[in-house]
Amino acid sequence: MSTSSATLAIVTYLNHNNCKVWRNNNVGIWDANKKIYRKNPQQLKGVCDIIGIMYDGTFIGIEIKTGKDKLSPEQELFIQEIEKHNGLIFVVKSYDDFIKQWQSFKTKTVY
């Protein structure tokens, strides 16, 4: 499963399970004059691939790392900030990995 299909599957799953999440677009801005993508100067580095909120207002972020991909220093700092503020964060390799982590989280959480 590709990163984009895993992203879609996770977003769909969470939006049907008491969350409101969306794909965080990390693509640059198209510069028509130069015919290239350039970095968005207003974009925060390190933000997760999927972000949103749970039904109780808790921030949720999911970073998808497939293959040999590793977290960047900016992503590690973003994760630390979310954890520091009691947000929920997952770093997953696939949709199946996400489901496994989500189920583990749900069994530990009392609502």
PDB file of N, CA and C in Angstrom:
ATOM      1  N   MET A   1       0.849  -1.173   0.000  1.00  0.00           N
ATOM      2  CA  MET A   1       0.000   0.000   0.000  1.00  0.00           C
ATOM      3  C   MET A   1       0.894   1.235   0.000  1.00  0.00           C
ATOM      4  N   SER A   2       0.644   2.156  -0.902  1.00  0.00           N
ATOM      5  CA  SER A   2       1.440   3.374  -0.992  1.00  0.00           C
ATOM      6  C   SER A   2       1.105   4.328   0.156  1.00  0.00           C
ATOM      7  N   THR A   3       1.965   5.330   0.326  1.00  0.00           N
ATOM      8  CA  THR A   3       1.727   6.324   1.373  1.00  0.00           C
ATOM      9  C   THR A   3       0.408   7.052   1.142  1.00  0.00           C
ATOM     10  N   SER A   4       0.112   7.413  -0.115  1.00  0.00           N
ATOM     11  CA  SER A   4      -1.131   8.144  -0.384  1.00  0.00           C
ATOM     12  C   SER A   4      -2.363   7.283  -0.131  1.00  0.00           C
ATOM     13  N   SER A   5      -2.314   5.999  -0.460  1.00  0.00           N
ATOM     14  CA  SER A   5      -3.470   5.146  -0.198  1.00  0.00           C
ATOM     15  C   SER A   5      -3.601   4.860   1.301  1.00  0.00           C
ATOM     16  N   ALA A   6      -2.481   4.736   2.010  1.00  0.00           N
ATOM     17  CA  ALA A   6      -2.534   4.572   3.466  1.00  0.00           C
ATOM     18  C   ALA A   6      -3.120   5.824   4.109  1.00  0.00           C
ATOM     19  N   THR A   7      -2.709   6.985   3.620  1.00  0.00           N
ATOM     20  CA  THR A   7      -3.239   8.249   4.141  1.00  0.00           C
ATOM     21  C   THR A   7      -4.752   8.304   3.963  1.00  0.00           C
ATOM     22  N   LEU A   8      -5.220   8.009   2.765  1.00  0.00           N
ATOM     23  CA  LEU A   8      -6.660   8.030   2.496  1.00  0.00           C
ATOM     24  C   LEU A   8      -7.403   7.045   3.393  1.00  0.00           C
ATOM     25  N   ALA A   9      -6.872   5.844   3.551  1.00  0.00           N
ATOM     26  CA  ALA A   9      -7.522   4.821   4.377  1.00  0.00           C
ATOM     27  C   ALA A   9      -7.591   5.250   5.840  1.00  0.00           C
ATOM     28  N   ILE A  10      -6.517   5.837   6.357  1.00  0.00           N
ATOM     29  CA  ILE A  10      -6.500   6.284   7.751  1.00  0.00           C
ATOM     30  C   ILE A  10      -7.457   7.446   7.963  1.00  0.00           C
ATOM     31  N   VAL A  11      -7.443   8.419   7.059  1.00  0.00           N
ATOM     32  CA  VAL A  11      -8.364   9.562   7.152  1.00  0.00           C
ATOM     33  C   VAL A  11      -9.805   9.075   7.132  1.00  0.00           C
ATOM     34  N   THR A  12     -10.126   8.180   6.215  1.00  0.00           N
ATOM     35  CA  THR A  12     -11.488   7.646   6.117  1.00  0.00           C
ATOM     36  C   THR A  12     -11.873   6.922   7.399  1.00  0.00           C
ATOM     37  N   TYR A  13     -10.991   6.079   7.895  1.00  0.00           N
ATOM     38  CA  TYR A  13     -11.265   5.317   9.118  1.00  0.00           C
ATOM     39  C   TYR A  13     -11.550   6.258  10.294  1.00  0.00           C
ATOM     40  N   LEU A  14     -10.654   7.227  10.524  1.00  0.00           N
ATOM     41  CA  LEU A  14     -10.815   8.109  11.676  1.00  0.00           C
ATOM     42  C   LEU A  14     -12.062   8.988  11.566  1.00  0.00           C
ATOM     43  N   ASN A  15     -12.357   9.456  10.345  1.00  0.00           N
ATOM     44  CA  ASN A  15     -13.541  10.300  10.171  1.00  0.00           C
ATOM     45  C   ASN A  15     -14.834   9.517  10.376  1.00  0.00           C
ATOM     46  N   HIS A  16     -14.771   8.206  10.347  1.00  0.00           N
ATOM     47  CA  HIS A  16     -15.930   7.362  10.646  1.00  0.00           C
ATOM     48  C   HIS A  16     -15.890   6.831  12.079  1.00  0.00           C
ATOM     49  N   ASN A  17     -14.904   7.275  12.865  1.00  0.00           N
ATOM     50  CA  ASN A  17     -14.751   6.794  14.237  1.00  0.00           C
ATOM     51  C   ASN A  17     -14.506   7.957  15.207  1.00  0.00           C
ATOM     52  N   ASN A  18     -15.424   8.881  15.228  1.00  0.00           N
ATOM     53  CA  ASN A  18     -15.460   9.978  16.208  1.00  0.00           C
ATOM     54  C   ASN A  18     -14.264  10.929  16.162  1.00  0.00           C
ATOM     55  N   CYS A  19     -13.690  11.118  14.991  1.00  0.00           N
ATOM     56  CA  CYS A  19     -12.612  12.081  14.819  1.00  0.00           C
ATOM     57  C   CYS A  19     -12.922  12.943  13.600  1.00  0.00           C
ATOM     58  N   LYS A  20     -12.284  14.091  13.537  1.00  0.00           N
ATOM     59  CA  LYS A  20     -12.318  14.928  12.337  1.00  0.00           C
ATOM     60  C   LYS A  20     -10.867  15.191  11.973  1.00  0.00           C
ATOM     61  N   VAL A  21     -10.405  14.500  10.924  1.00  0.00           N
ATOM     62  CA  VAL A  21      -9.010  14.610  10.510  1.00  0.00           C
ATOM     63  C   VAL A  21      -8.937  14.919   9.011  1.00  0.00           C
ATOM     64  N   TRP A  22      -7.792  15.379   8.593  1.00  0.00           N
ATOM     65  CA  TRP A  22      -7.563  15.677   7.188  1.00  0.00           C
ATOM     66  C   TRP A  22      -6.082  15.526   6.877  1.00  0.00           C
ATOM     67  N   ARG A  23      -5.819  15.360   5.598  1.00  0.00           N
ATOM     68  CA  ARG A  23      -4.434  15.277   5.122  1.00  0.00           C
ATOM     69  C   ARG A  23      -3.845  16.677   5.176  1.00  0.00           C
ATOM     70  N   ASN A  24      -2.690  16.792   5.779  1.00  0.00           N
ATOM     71  CA  ASN A  24      -1.985  18.060   5.822  1.00  0.00           C
ATOM     72  C   ASN A  24      -1.132  18.170   4.566  1.00  0.00           C
ATOM     73  N   ASN A  25      -1.462  19.107   3.718  1.00  0.00           N
ATOM     74  CA  ASN A  25      -0.761  19.254   2.452  1.00  0.00           C
ATOM     75  C   ASN A  25       0.622  19.853   2.674  1.00  0.00           C
ATOM     76  N   ASN A  26       1.654  19.072   2.373  1.00  0.00           N
ATOM     77  CA  ASN A  26       3.035  19.522   2.549  1.00  0.00           C
ATOM     78  C   ASN A  26       3.700  19.905   1.234  1.00  0.00           C
ATOM     79  N   VAL A  27       2.923  19.968   0.174  1.00  0.00           N
ATOM     80  CA  VAL A  27       3.474  20.291  -1.144  1.00  0.00           C
ATOM     81  C   VAL A  27       3.733  21.792  -1.227  1.00  0.00           C
ATOM     82  N   GLY A  28       4.763  22.154  -1.946  1.00  0.00           N
ATOM     83  CA  GLY A  28       5.093  23.565  -2.118  1.00  0.00           C
ATOM     84  C   GLY A  28       4.063  24.304  -2.963  1.00  0.00           C
ATOM     85  N   ILE A  29       4.339  25.563  -3.191  1.00  0.00           N
ATOM     86  CA  ILE A  29       3.475  26.428  -3.991  1.00  0.00           C
ATOM     87  C   ILE A  29       4.004  26.430  -5.423  1.00  0.00           C
ATOM     88  N   TRP A  30       3.096  26.271  -6.397  1.00  0.00           N
ATOM     89  CA  TRP A  30       3.489  26.275  -7.803  1.00  0.00           C
ATOM     90  C   TRP A  30       3.833  27.688  -8.234  1.00  0.00           C
ATOM     91  N   ASP A  31       5.033  27.859  -8.751  1.00  0.00           N
ATOM     92  CA  ASP A  31       5.470  29.132  -9.299  1.00  0.00           C
ATOM     93  C   ASP A  31       5.360  29.032 -10.817  1.00  0.00           C
ATOM     94  N   ALA A  32       4.314  29.629 -11.378  1.00  0.00           N
ATOM     95  CA  ALA A  32       4.038  29.516 -12.810  1.00  0.00           C
ATOM     96  C   ALA A  32       5.133  30.163 -13.654  1.00  0.00           C
ATOM     97  N   ASN A  33       5.749  31.219 -13.152  1.00  0.00           N
ATOM     98  CA  ASN A  33       6.808  31.890 -13.911  1.00  0.00           C
ATOM     99  C   ASN A  33       8.043  31.008 -14.064  1.00  0.00           C
ATOM    100  N   LYS A  34       8.422  30.333 -12.988  1.00  0.00           N
ATOM    101  CA  LYS A  34       9.615  29.488 -13.019  1.00  0.00           C
ATOM    102  C   LYS A  34       9.290  28.030 -13.310  1.00  0.00           C
ATOM    103  N   LYS A  35       8.001  27.697 -13.316  1.00  0.00           N
ATOM    104  CA  LYS A  35       7.513  26.342 -13.565  1.00  0.00           C
ATOM    105  C   LYS A  35       8.142  25.321 -12.598  1.00  0.00           C
ATOM    106  N   ILE A  36       8.133  25.702 -11.320  1.00  0.00           N
ATOM    107  CA  ILE A  36       8.635  24.825 -10.263  1.00  0.00           C
ATOM    108  C   ILE A  36       7.773  24.978  -9.011  1.00  0.00           C
ATOM    109  N   TYR A  37       7.889  24.000  -8.115  1.00  0.00           N
ATOM    110  CA  TYR A  37       7.291  24.146  -6.799  1.00  0.00           C
ATOM    111  C   TYR A  37       8.335  24.786  -5.896  1.00  0.00           C
ATOM    112  N   ARG A  38       7.893  25.723  -5.097  1.00  0.00           N
ATOM    113  CA  ARG A  38       8.792  26.322  -4.121  1.00  0.00           C
ATOM    114  C   ARG A  38       8.177  26.175  -2.740  1.00  0.00           C
ATOM    115  N   LYS A  39       9.007  26.225  -1.736  1.00  0.00           N
ATOM    116  CA  LYS A  39       8.542  26.079  -0.355  1.00  0.00           C
ATOM    117  C   LYS A  39       7.569  27.200  -0.009  1.00  0.00           C
ATOM    118  N   ASN A  40       6.545  26.843   0.748  1.00  0.00           N
ATOM    119  CA  ASN A  40       5.614  27.830   1.270  1.00  0.00           C
ATOM    120  C   ASN A  40       6.257  28.442   2.511  1.00  0.00           C
ATOM    121  N   PRO A  41       6.562  29.724   2.496  1.00  0.00           N
ATOM    122  CA  PRO A  41       7.259  30.335   3.636  1.00  0.00           C
ATOM    123  C   PRO A  41       6.416  30.358   4.909  1.00  0.00           C
ATOM    124  N   GLN A  42       5.128  30.195   4.791  1.00  0.00           N
ATOM    125  CA  GLN A  42       4.251  30.215   5.967  1.00  0.00           C
ATOM    126  C   GLN A  42       4.004  28.816   6.529  1.00  0.00           C
ATOM    127  N   GLN A  43       4.502  27.809   5.865  1.00  0.00           N
ATOM    128  CA  GLN A  43       4.267  26.437   6.295  1.00  0.00           C
ATOM    129  C   GLN A  43       5.177  26.065   7.457  1.00  0.00           C
ATOM    130  N   LEU A  44       4.587  25.432   8.466  1.00  0.00           N
ATOM    131  CA  LEU A  44       5.331  24.970   9.628  1.00  0.00           C
ATOM    132  C   LEU A  44       6.022  23.656   9.290  1.00  0.00           C
ATOM    133  N   LYS A  45       7.320  23.594   9.461  1.00  0.00           N
ATOM    134  CA  LYS A  45       8.072  22.370   9.160  1.00  0.00           C
ATOM    135  C   LYS A  45       7.782  21.307  10.217  1.00  0.00           C
ATOM    136  N   GLY A  46       7.701  20.052   9.777  1.00  0.00           N
ATOM    137  CA  GLY A  46       7.568  18.940  10.693  1.00  0.00           C
ATOM    138  C   GLY A  46       6.154  18.510  11.026  1.00  0.00           C
ATOM    139  N   VAL A  47       5.153  19.223  10.509  1.00  0.00           N
ATOM    140  CA  VAL A  47       3.765  18.873  10.807  1.00  0.00           C
ATOM    141  C   VAL A  47       3.438  17.515  10.190  1.00  0.00           C
ATOM    142  N   CYS A  48       2.638  16.735  10.903  1.00  0.00           N
ATOM    143  CA  CYS A  48       2.291  15.370  10.493  1.00  0.00           C
ATOM    144  C   CYS A  48       1.542  15.327   9.163  1.00  0.00           C
ATOM    145  N   ASP A  49       1.542  14.137   8.550  1.00  0.00           N
ATOM    146  CA  ASP A  49       0.822  13.916   7.299  1.00  0.00           C
ATOM    147  C   ASP A  49      -0.688  14.060   7.481  1.00  0.00           C
ATOM    148  N   ILE A  50      -1.193  13.612   8.633  1.00  0.00           N
ATOM    149  CA  ILE A  50      -2.617  13.688   8.942  1.00  0.00           C
ATOM    150  C   ILE A  50      -2.747  14.400  10.284  1.00  0.00           C
ATOM    151  N   ILE A  51      -3.634  15.404  10.345  1.00  0.00           N
ATOM    152  CA  ILE A  51      -3.874  16.117  11.597  1.00  0.00           C
ATOM    153  C   ILE A  51      -5.368  16.284  11.791  1.00  0.00           C
ATOM    154  N   GLY A  52      -5.763  16.513  13.038  1.00  0.00           N
ATOM    155  CA  GLY A  52      -7.161  16.753  13.331  1.00  0.00           C
ATOM    156  C   GLY A  52      -7.446  16.708  14.820  1.00  0.00           C
ATOM    157  N   ILE A  53      -8.724  16.459  15.143  1.00  0.00           N
ATOM    158  CA  ILE A  53      -9.151  16.406  16.536  1.00  0.00           C
ATOM    159  C   ILE A  53     -10.022  15.183  16.764  1.00  0.00           C
ATOM    160  N   MET A  54      -9.965  14.691  18.001  1.00  0.00           N
ATOM    161  CA  MET A  54     -10.854  13.613  18.410  1.00  0.00           C
ATOM    162  C   MET A  54     -12.135  14.250  18.931  1.00  0.00           C
ATOM    163  N   TYR A  55     -13.162  13.440  19.151  1.00  0.00           N
ATOM    164  CA  TYR A  55     -14.458  13.974  19.565  1.00  0.00           C
ATOM    165  C   TYR A  55     -14.381  14.765  20.871  1.00  0.00           C
ATOM    166  N   ASP A  56     -13.386  14.476  21.715  1.00  0.00           N
ATOM    167  CA  ASP A  56     -13.269  15.185  22.991  1.00  0.00           C
ATOM    168  C   ASP A  56     -12.392  16.434  22.889  1.00  0.00           C
ATOM    169  N   GLY A  57     -11.942  16.772  21.678  1.00  0.00           N
ATOM    170  CA  GLY A  57     -11.124  17.960  21.458  1.00  0.00           C
ATOM    171  C   GLY A  57      -9.632  17.723  21.487  1.00  0.00           C
ATOM    172  N   THR A  58      -9.195  16.496  21.719  1.00  0.00           N
ATOM    173  CA  THR A  58      -7.766  16.165  21.744  1.00  0.00           C
ATOM    174  C   THR A  58      -7.187  16.235  20.337  1.00  0.00           C
ATOM    175  N   PHE A  59      -6.059  16.911  20.208  1.00  0.00           N
ATOM    176  CA  PHE A  59      -5.353  16.954  18.926  1.00  0.00           C
ATOM    177  C   PHE A  59      -4.849  15.560  18.591  1.00  0.00           C
ATOM    178  N   ILE A  60      -4.952  15.184  17.328  1.00  0.00           N
ATOM    179  CA  ILE A  60      -4.409  13.908  16.872  1.00  0.00           C
ATOM    180  C   ILE A  60      -3.563  14.153  15.627  1.00  0.00           C
ATOM    181  N   GLY A  61      -2.406  13.511  15.591  1.00  0.00           N
ATOM    182  CA  GLY A  61      -1.520  13.600  14.441  1.00  0.00           C
ATOM    183  C   GLY A  61      -0.999  12.218  14.081  1.00  0.00           C
ATOM    184  N   ILE A  62      -0.914  11.967  12.786  1.00  0.00           N
ATOM    185  CA  ILE A  62      -0.381  10.693  12.309  1.00  0.00           C
ATOM    186  C   ILE A  62       0.690  10.985  11.268  1.00  0.00           C
ATOM    187  N   GLU A  63       1.873  10.467  11.499  1.00  0.00           N
ATOM    188  CA  GLU A  63       2.975  10.583  10.542  1.00  0.00           C
ATOM    189  C   GLU A  63       3.180   9.208   9.928  1.00  0.00           C
ATOM    190  N   ILE A  64       3.178   9.145   8.607  1.00  0.00           N
ATOM    191  CA  ILE A  64       3.341   7.880   7.893  1.00  0.00           C
ATOM    192  C   ILE A  64       4.757   7.819   7.318  1.00  0.00           C
ATOM    193  N   LYS A  65       5.481   6.786   7.700  1.00  0.00           N
ATOM    194  CA  LYS A  65       6.838   6.576   7.219  1.00  0.00           C
ATOM    195  C   LYS A  65       6.914   5.189   6.595  1.00  0.00           C
ATOM    196  N   THR A  66       7.026   5.145   5.286  1.00  0.00           N
ATOM    197  CA  THR A  66       7.101   3.864   4.584  1.00  0.00           C
ATOM    198  C   THR A  66       8.539   3.585   4.163  1.00  0.00           C
ATOM    199  N   GLY A  67       8.811   2.319   3.911  1.00  0.00           N
ATOM    200  CA  GLY A  67      10.152   1.929   3.459  1.00  0.00           C
ATOM    201  C   GLY A  67      11.213   2.323   4.462  1.00  0.00           C
ATOM    202  N   LYS A  68      12.249   2.986   3.967  1.00  0.00           N
ATOM    203  CA  LYS A  68      13.371   3.388   4.822  1.00  0.00           C
ATOM    204  C   LYS A  68      13.248   4.824   5.318  1.00  0.00           C
ATOM    205  N   ASP A  69      12.097   5.449   5.077  1.00  0.00           N
ATOM    206  CA  ASP A  69      11.891   6.825   5.541  1.00  0.00           C
ATOM    207  C   ASP A  69      12.082   6.920   7.047  1.00  0.00           C
ATOM    208  N   LYS A  70      12.659   8.028   7.485  1.00  0.00           N
ATOM    209  CA  LYS A  70      12.869   8.286   8.907  1.00  0.00           C
ATOM    210  C   LYS A  70      12.341   9.678   9.236  1.00  0.00           C
ATOM    211  N   LEU A  71      12.065   9.888  10.507  1.00  0.00           N
ATOM    212  CA  LEU A  71      11.610  11.203  10.950  1.00  0.00           C
ATOM    213  C   LEU A  71      12.719  12.231  10.789  1.00  0.00           C
ATOM    214  N   SER A  72      12.344  13.407  10.318  1.00  0.00           N
ATOM    215  CA  SER A  72      13.302  14.520  10.243  1.00  0.00           C
ATOM    216  C   SER A  72      13.419  15.138  11.638  1.00  0.00           C
ATOM    217  N   PRO A  73      14.461  15.904  11.870  1.00  0.00           N
ATOM    218  CA  PRO A  73      14.575  16.595  13.167  1.00  0.00           C
ATOM    219  C   PRO A  73      13.358  17.486  13.452  1.00  0.00           C
ATOM    220  N   GLU A  74      12.822  18.141  12.415  1.00  0.00           N
ATOM    221  CA  GLU A  74      11.637  18.993  12.595  1.00  0.00           C
ATOM    222  C   GLU A  74      10.414  18.162  12.995  1.00  0.00           C
ATOM    223  N   GLN A  75      10.281  16.969  12.410  1.00  0.00           N
ATOM    224  CA  GLN A  75       9.167  16.091  12.768  1.00  0.00           C
ATOM    225  C   GLN A  75       9.297  15.598  14.198  1.00  0.00           C
ATOM    226  N   GLU A  76      10.511  15.274  14.607  1.00  0.00           N
ATOM    227  CA  GLU A  76      10.735  14.840  15.983  1.00  0.00           C
ATOM    228  C   GLU A  76      10.363  15.951  16.971  1.00  0.00           C
ATOM    229  N   LEU A  77      10.734  17.195  16.652  1.00  0.00           N
ATOM    230  CA  LEU A  77      10.376  18.324  17.512  1.00  0.00           C
ATOM    231  C   LEU A  77       8.865  18.538  17.555  1.00  0.00           C
ATOM    232  N   PHE A  78       8.202  18.398  16.403  1.00  0.00           N
ATOM    233  CA  PHE A  78       6.748  18.555  16.354  1.00  0.00           C
ATOM    234  C   PHE A  78       6.079  17.492  17.231  1.00  0.00           C
ATOM    235  N   ILE A  79       6.543  16.268  17.146  1.00  0.00           N
ATOM    236  CA  ILE A  79       5.991  15.172  17.952  1.00  0.00           C
ATOM    237  C   ILE A  79       6.176  15.472  19.442  1.00  0.00           C
ATOM    238  N   GLN A  80       7.346  15.959  19.818  1.00  0.00           N
ATOM    239  CA  GLN A  80       7.598  16.302  21.218  1.00  0.00           C
ATOM    240  C   GLN A  80       6.644  17.394  21.701  1.00  0.00           C
ATOM    241  N   GLU A  81       6.387  18.388  20.846  1.00  0.00           N
ATOM    242  CA  GLU A  81       5.466  19.462  21.218  1.00  0.00           C
ATOM    243  C   GLU A  81       4.042  18.936  21.418  1.00  0.00           C
ATOM    244  N   ILE A  82       3.611  18.064  20.538  1.00  0.00           N
ATOM    245  CA  ILE A  82       2.266  17.485  20.665  1.00  0.00           C
ATOM    246  C   ILE A  82       2.156  16.688  21.951  1.00  0.00           C
ATOM    247  N   GLU A  83       3.140  15.854  22.232  1.00  0.00           N
ATOM    248  CA  GLU A  83       3.127  15.058  23.460  1.00  0.00           C
ATOM    249  C   GLU A  83       3.157  15.952  24.697  1.00  0.00           C
ATOM    250  N   LYS A  84       3.945  17.027  24.648  1.00  0.00           N
ATOM    251  CA  LYS A  84       4.051  17.960  25.768  1.00  0.00           C
ATOM    252  C   LYS A  84       2.697  18.607  26.080  1.00  0.00           C
ATOM    253  N   HIS A  85       1.880  18.787  25.059  1.00  0.00           N
ATOM    254  CA  HIS A  85       0.568  19.420  25.222  1.00  0.00           C
ATOM    255  C   HIS A  85      -0.568  18.402  25.255  1.00  0.00           C
ATOM    256  N   ASN A  86      -0.234  17.163  25.591  1.00  0.00           N
ATOM    257  CA  ASN A  86      -1.221  16.085  25.767  1.00  0.00           C
ATOM    258  C   ASN A  86      -1.995  15.732  24.498  1.00  0.00           C
ATOM    259  N   GLY A  87      -1.396  15.966  23.352  1.00  0.00           N
ATOM    260  CA  GLY A  87      -1.988  15.517  22.102  1.00  0.00           C
ATOM    261  C   GLY A  87      -1.678  14.053  21.867  1.00  0.00           C
ATOM    262  N   LEU A  88      -2.349  13.493  20.902  1.00  0.00           N
ATOM    263  CA  LEU A  88      -2.170  12.082  20.556  1.00  0.00           C
ATOM    264  C   LEU A  88      -1.425  12.007  19.233  1.00  0.00           C
ATOM    265  N   ILE A  89      -0.352  11.233  19.211  1.00  0.00           N
ATOM    266  CA  ILE A  89       0.486  11.157  18.014  1.00  0.00           C
ATOM    267  C   ILE A  89       0.814   9.709  17.702  1.00  0.00           C
ATOM    268  N   PHE A  90       0.778   9.380  16.411  1.00  0.00           N
ATOM    269  CA  PHE A  90       1.139   8.047  15.943  1.00  0.00           C
ATOM    270  C   PHE A  90       2.162   8.193  14.826  1.00  0.00           C
ATOM    271  N   VAL A  91       3.191   7.368  14.859  1.00  0.00           N
ATOM    272  CA  VAL A  91       4.117   7.237  13.737  1.00  0.00           C
ATOM    273  C   VAL A  91       3.914   5.813  13.240  1.00  0.00           C
ATOM    274  N   VAL A  92       3.438   5.694  11.990  1.00  0.00           N
ATOM    275  CA  VAL A  92       3.052   4.379  11.474  1.00  0.00           C
ATOM    276  C   VAL A  92       3.750   4.091  10.158  1.00  0.00           C
ATOM    277  N   LYS A  93       3.820   2.779   9.831  1.00  0.00           N
ATOM    278  CA  LYS A  93       4.437   2.346   8.575  1.00  0.00           C
ATOM    279  C   LYS A  93       3.408   2.027   7.504  1.00  0.00           C
ATOM    280  N   SER A  94       2.153   1.797   7.928  1.00  0.00           N
ATOM    281  CA  SER A  94       1.111   1.392   6.987  1.00  0.00           C
ATOM    282  C   SER A  94      -0.260   1.556   7.653  1.00  0.00           C
ATOM    283  N   TYR A  95      -1.296   1.339   6.879  1.00  0.00           N
ATOM    284  CA  TYR A  95      -2.653   1.355   7.427  1.00  0.00           C
ATOM    285  C   TYR A  95      -2.793   0.275   8.495  1.00  0.00           C
ATOM    286  N   ASP A  96      -2.302  -0.927   8.216  1.00  0.00           N
ATOM    287  CA  ASP A  96      -2.394  -2.023   9.180  1.00  0.00           C
ATOM    288  C   ASP A  96      -1.652  -1.692  10.479  1.00  0.00           C
ATOM    289  N   ASP A  97      -0.500  -1.069  10.357  1.00  0.00           N
ATOM    290  CA  ASP A  97       0.253  -0.647  11.531  1.00  0.00           C
ATOM    291  C   ASP A  97      -0.551   0.383  12.323  1.00  0.00           C
ATOM    292  N   PHE A  98      -1.189   1.324  11.620  1.00  0.00           N
ATOM    293  CA  PHE A  98      -2.030   2.308  12.303  1.00  0.00           C
ATOM    294  C   PHE A  98      -3.152   1.623  13.080  1.00  0.00           C
ATOM    295  N   ILE A  99      -3.866   0.705  12.423  1.00  0.00           N
ATOM    296  CA  ILE A  99      -4.990   0.010  13.078  1.00  0.00           C
ATOM    297  C   ILE A  99      -4.501  -0.705  14.339  1.00  0.00           C
ATOM    298  N   LYS A 100      -3.354  -1.347  14.257  1.00  0.00           N
ATOM    299  CA  LYS A 100      -2.794  -2.046  15.410  1.00  0.00           C
ATOM    300  C   LYS A 100      -2.527  -1.062  16.555  1.00  0.00           C
ATOM    301  N   GLN A 101      -1.900   0.074  16.244  1.00  0.00           N
ATOM    302  CA  GLN A 101      -1.611   1.077  17.266  1.00  0.00           C
ATOM    303  C   GLN A 101      -2.894   1.716  17.802  1.00  0.00           C
ATOM    304  N   TRP A 102      -3.848   1.976  16.915  1.00  0.00           N
ATOM    305  CA  TRP A 102      -5.125   2.585  17.310  1.00  0.00           C
ATOM    306  C   TRP A 102      -5.878   1.663  18.268  1.00  0.00           C
ATOM    307  N   GLN A 103      -5.939   0.379  17.939  1.00  0.00           N
ATOM    308  CA  GLN A 103      -6.636  -0.581  18.801  1.00  0.00           C
ATOM    309  C   GLN A 103      -5.960  -0.674  20.158  1.00  0.00           C
ATOM    310  N   SER A 104      -4.634  -0.635  20.182  1.00  0.00           N
ATOM    311  CA  SER A 104      -3.898  -0.661  21.438  1.00  0.00           C
ATOM    312  C   SER A 104      -4.223   0.581  22.267  1.00  0.00           C
ATOM    313  N   PHE A 105      -4.260   1.735  21.620  1.00  0.00           N
ATOM    314  CA  PHE A 105      -4.624   2.984  22.309  1.00  0.00           C
ATOM    315  C   PHE A 105      -6.046   2.898  22.862  1.00  0.00           C
ATOM    316  N   LYS A 106      -6.974   2.419  22.042  1.00  0.00           N
ATOM    317  CA  LYS A 106      -8.389   2.347  22.455  1.00  0.00           C
ATOM    318  C   LYS A 106      -8.589   1.418  23.642  1.00  0.00           C
ATOM    319  N   THR A 107      -7.836   0.331  23.721  1.00  0.00           N
ATOM    320  CA  THR A 107      -8.014  -0.595  24.838  1.00  0.00           C
ATOM    321  C   THR A 107      -7.443  -0.024  26.141  1.00  0.00           C
ATOM    322  N   LYS A 108      -6.495   0.922  26.025  1.00  0.00           N
ATOM    323  CA  LYS A 108      -5.915   1.563  27.211  1.00  0.00           C
ATOM    324  C   LYS A 108      -6.736   2.760  27.689  1.00  0.00           C
ATOM    325  N   THR A 109      -7.608   3.282  26.843  1.00  0.00           N
ATOM    326  CA  THR A 109      -8.329   4.509  27.121  1.00  0.00           C
ATOM    327  C   THR A 109      -9.730   4.214  27.623  1.00  0.00           C
ATOM    328  N   VAL A 110     -10.095   4.867  28.708  1.00  0.00           N
ATOM    329  CA  VAL A 110     -11.449   4.738  29.249  1.00  0.00           C
ATOM    330  C   VAL A 110     -12.226   5.981  28.872  1.00  0.00           C
ATOM    331  N   TYR A 111     -13.385   5.794  28.241  1.00  0.00           N
ATOM    332  CA  TYR A 111     -14.210   6.945  27.853  1.00  0.00           C
ATOM    333  C   TYR A 111     -15.373   7.092  28.761  1.00  0.00           C
TER     334      TYR A 111
END
